[in-house]
Amino acid sequence: MTETVSQTKLASLRRYHNFTQKQMSEFINVDLRTYINKENGTSQFKLNEMFAISQKFDKSIDDIFLPPDFM
C-alpha cells in the first residue's frame, strides 16, 4: 500500500508566490477538486505534473515533493 503525503512544501511555495489552488489546477490542467486532493495528499501528483511544478518554482522535484524526514 502506498502512502500519500500532504504537500506542505508545495502549499507553502504556492502561497509564497501568490498562486491560488485554482491557478495551479489550471497550470497542470486538472480540475480544482483534483488539485486540492493532490495538495492535501488524498491523491498523488503524476510525474509530469511534478516536473512542471518544479520548473515553475525553479526547485527540484525532491525539494518540493519528498517529505521532510525522507532518507
N, C-alpha and C. Protein backbone atom coordinates (compact mmCIF):
# COMPACT_ATOMS: atom_id res chain seq x y z
N MET A 1 0.85 -1.18 0.00
CA MET A 1 0.00 0.00 0.00
C MET A 1 0.89 1.24 0.00
N THR A 2 0.61 2.17 -0.90
CA THR A 2 1.40 3.39 -0.95
C THR A 2 0.83 4.42 -0.01
N GLU A 3 1.71 5.20 0.55
CA GLU A 3 1.29 6.23 1.48
C GLU A 3 1.31 7.57 0.77
N THR A 4 0.24 8.33 0.91
CA THR A 4 0.22 9.67 0.34
C THR A 4 0.66 10.66 1.39
N VAL A 5 1.29 11.71 0.95
CA VAL A 5 1.85 12.70 1.86
C VAL A 5 1.26 14.06 1.50
N SER A 6 0.81 14.77 2.51
CA SER A 6 0.34 16.13 2.30
C SER A 6 1.50 16.97 1.77
N GLN A 7 1.24 17.75 0.76
CA GLN A 7 2.29 18.51 0.10
C GLN A 7 2.44 19.89 0.76
N THR A 8 2.93 19.90 2.00
CA THR A 8 3.05 21.16 2.74
C THR A 8 4.09 22.08 2.11
N LYS A 9 5.16 21.52 1.57
CA LYS A 9 6.16 22.36 0.91
C LYS A 9 5.57 23.03 -0.33
N LEU A 10 4.81 22.27 -1.09
CA LEU A 10 4.18 22.81 -2.29
C LEU A 10 3.19 23.90 -1.91
N ALA A 11 2.37 23.65 -0.91
CA ALA A 11 1.38 24.64 -0.49
C ALA A 11 2.08 25.92 -0.04
N SER A 12 3.17 25.78 0.69
CA SER A 12 3.92 26.97 1.15
C SER A 12 4.51 27.73 -0.03
N LEU A 13 5.10 27.02 -0.98
CA LEU A 13 5.65 27.66 -2.17
C LEU A 13 4.56 28.37 -2.97
N ARG A 14 3.44 27.70 -3.11
CA ARG A 14 2.32 28.27 -3.86
C ARG A 14 1.86 29.58 -3.21
N ARG A 15 1.70 29.56 -1.91
CA ARG A 15 1.26 30.77 -1.20
C ARG A 15 2.33 31.86 -1.26
N TYR A 16 3.59 31.49 -1.13
CA TYR A 16 4.70 32.46 -1.18
C TYR A 16 4.70 33.21 -2.51
N HIS A 17 4.39 32.50 -3.59
CA HIS A 17 4.38 33.10 -4.92
C HIS A 17 3.00 33.66 -5.30
N ASN A 18 2.10 33.68 -4.32
CA ASN A 18 0.75 34.24 -4.51
C ASN A 18 -0.05 33.55 -5.62
N PHE A 19 0.06 32.22 -5.68
CA PHE A 19 -0.75 31.45 -6.61
C PHE A 19 -1.89 30.80 -5.84
N THR A 20 -3.06 30.80 -6.43
CA THR A 20 -4.19 30.12 -5.81
C THR A 20 -4.18 28.65 -6.23
N GLN A 21 -4.95 27.86 -5.52
CA GLN A 21 -5.09 26.46 -5.92
C GLN A 21 -5.74 26.39 -7.30
N LYS A 22 -6.66 27.28 -7.58
CA LYS A 22 -7.30 27.32 -8.90
C LYS A 22 -6.27 27.58 -10.00
N GLN A 23 -5.37 28.54 -9.77
CA GLN A 23 -4.33 28.83 -10.77
C GLN A 23 -3.43 27.62 -10.98
N MET A 24 -3.09 26.94 -9.91
CA MET A 24 -2.23 25.76 -10.02
C MET A 24 -2.96 24.63 -10.75
N SER A 25 -4.25 24.48 -10.47
CA SER A 25 -5.01 23.43 -11.16
C SER A 25 -5.05 23.70 -12.66
N GLU A 26 -5.21 24.97 -13.03
CA GLU A 26 -5.20 25.33 -14.44
C GLU A 26 -3.82 25.12 -15.05
N PHE A 27 -2.78 25.41 -14.29
CA PHE A 27 -1.41 25.25 -14.79
C PHE A 27 -1.11 23.80 -15.14
N ILE A 28 -1.55 22.86 -14.29
CA ILE A 28 -1.28 21.45 -14.59
C ILE A 28 -2.46 20.77 -15.29
N ASN A 29 -3.47 21.59 -15.62
CA ASN A 29 -4.60 21.11 -16.41
C ASN A 29 -5.41 20.00 -15.73
N VAL A 30 -5.77 20.25 -14.48
CA VAL A 30 -6.66 19.33 -13.76
C VAL A 30 -7.78 20.14 -13.12
N ASP A 31 -8.84 19.47 -12.76
CA ASP A 31 -9.96 20.09 -12.06
C ASP A 31 -9.49 20.64 -10.71
N LEU A 32 -10.10 21.70 -10.25
CA LEU A 32 -9.72 22.30 -8.97
C LEU A 32 -9.79 21.27 -7.83
N ARG A 33 -10.86 20.50 -7.75
CA ARG A 33 -11.00 19.50 -6.68
C ARG A 33 -9.87 18.48 -6.76
N THR A 34 -9.50 18.10 -7.96
CA THR A 34 -8.39 17.15 -8.14
C THR A 34 -7.10 17.74 -7.60
N TYR A 35 -6.84 19.01 -7.92
CA TYR A 35 -5.63 19.65 -7.42
C TYR A 35 -5.63 19.71 -5.90
N ILE A 36 -6.75 20.10 -5.32
CA ILE A 36 -6.85 20.18 -3.85
C ILE A 36 -6.57 18.82 -3.24
N ASN A 37 -7.13 17.77 -3.82
CA ASN A 37 -6.89 16.41 -3.31
C ASN A 37 -5.41 16.04 -3.40
N LYS A 38 -4.75 16.45 -4.46
CA LYS A 38 -3.32 16.15 -4.62
C LYS A 38 -2.50 16.94 -3.60
N GLU A 39 -2.81 18.21 -3.43
CA GLU A 39 -2.06 19.03 -2.48
C GLU A 39 -2.28 18.55 -1.04
N ASN A 40 -3.47 18.07 -0.76
CA ASN A 40 -3.79 17.57 0.59
C ASN A 40 -3.31 16.15 0.84
N GLY A 41 -2.82 15.49 -0.21
CA GLY A 41 -2.30 14.13 -0.05
C GLY A 41 -3.34 13.04 -0.21
N THR A 42 -4.55 13.40 -0.60
CA THR A 42 -5.60 12.40 -0.83
C THR A 42 -5.29 11.57 -2.07
N SER A 43 -4.71 12.22 -3.07
CA SER A 43 -4.24 11.51 -4.27
C SER A 43 -2.85 12.03 -4.62
N GLN A 44 -2.20 11.35 -5.54
CA GLN A 44 -0.80 11.68 -5.84
C GLN A 44 -0.67 12.47 -7.14
N PHE A 45 0.36 13.30 -7.17
CA PHE A 45 0.69 14.00 -8.40
C PHE A 45 1.32 13.03 -9.37
N LYS A 46 1.04 13.21 -10.65
CA LYS A 46 1.70 12.45 -11.70
C LYS A 46 3.09 13.04 -11.91
N LEU A 47 3.99 12.24 -12.45
CA LEU A 47 5.36 12.68 -12.65
C LEU A 47 5.43 13.93 -13.53
N ASN A 48 4.65 13.96 -14.61
CA ASN A 48 4.69 15.14 -15.48
C ASN A 48 4.19 16.39 -14.76
N GLU A 49 3.25 16.24 -13.84
CA GLU A 49 2.76 17.37 -13.04
C GLU A 49 3.85 17.85 -12.08
N MET A 50 4.53 16.90 -11.45
CA MET A 50 5.61 17.27 -10.53
C MET A 50 6.73 17.98 -11.28
N PHE A 51 7.05 17.50 -12.47
CA PHE A 51 8.10 18.11 -13.27
C PHE A 51 7.73 19.55 -13.64
N ALA A 52 6.50 19.77 -14.11
CA ALA A 52 6.05 21.11 -14.49
C ALA A 52 6.06 22.06 -13.30
N ILE A 53 5.60 21.58 -12.15
CA ILE A 53 5.56 22.42 -10.95
C ILE A 53 6.98 22.75 -10.48
N SER A 54 7.86 21.76 -10.53
CA SER A 54 9.24 22.02 -10.10
C SER A 54 9.90 23.06 -11.00
N GLN A 55 9.62 23.02 -12.29
CA GLN A 55 10.17 24.02 -13.21
C GLN A 55 9.56 25.40 -12.93
N LYS A 56 8.28 25.44 -12.66
CA LYS A 56 7.60 26.71 -12.39
C LYS A 56 8.23 27.43 -11.19
N PHE A 57 8.58 26.67 -10.16
CA PHE A 57 9.14 27.26 -8.94
C PHE A 57 10.67 27.20 -8.90
N ASP A 58 11.28 26.70 -9.96
CA ASP A 58 12.74 26.61 -10.05
C ASP A 58 13.33 25.85 -8.87
N LYS A 59 12.71 24.72 -8.55
CA LYS A 59 13.15 23.83 -7.46
C LYS A 59 13.21 22.42 -8.01
N SER A 60 13.96 21.56 -7.35
CA SER A 60 13.98 20.16 -7.77
C SER A 60 12.69 19.47 -7.30
N ILE A 61 12.35 18.40 -8.00
CA ILE A 61 11.19 17.60 -7.59
C ILE A 61 11.36 17.14 -6.15
N ASP A 62 12.57 16.70 -5.80
CA ASP A 62 12.85 16.24 -4.43
C ASP A 62 12.56 17.34 -3.41
N ASP A 63 12.99 18.56 -3.71
CA ASP A 63 12.80 19.67 -2.77
C ASP A 63 11.34 19.94 -2.49
N ILE A 64 10.50 19.73 -3.48
CA ILE A 64 9.07 20.03 -3.31
C ILE A 64 8.27 18.85 -2.82
N PHE A 65 8.51 17.68 -3.38
CA PHE A 65 7.58 16.56 -3.20
C PHE A 65 7.99 15.48 -2.22
N LEU A 66 9.27 15.44 -1.83
CA LEU A 66 9.64 14.43 -0.83
C LEU A 66 9.34 14.94 0.57
N PRO A 67 8.88 14.08 1.45
CA PRO A 67 8.61 14.52 2.81
C PRO A 67 9.91 14.97 3.50
N PRO A 68 9.81 15.88 4.46
CA PRO A 68 11.00 16.44 5.11
C PRO A 68 11.88 15.38 5.79
N ASP A 69 11.28 14.30 6.29
CA ASP A 69 12.04 13.27 7.00
C ASP A 69 12.45 12.12 6.10
N PHE A 70 12.37 12.28 4.78
CA PHE A 70 12.74 11.21 3.84
C PHE A 70 14.23 10.99 3.87
N MET A 71 14.64 9.72 3.93
CA MET A 71 16.07 9.40 3.97
C MET A 71 16.42 8.52 2.79
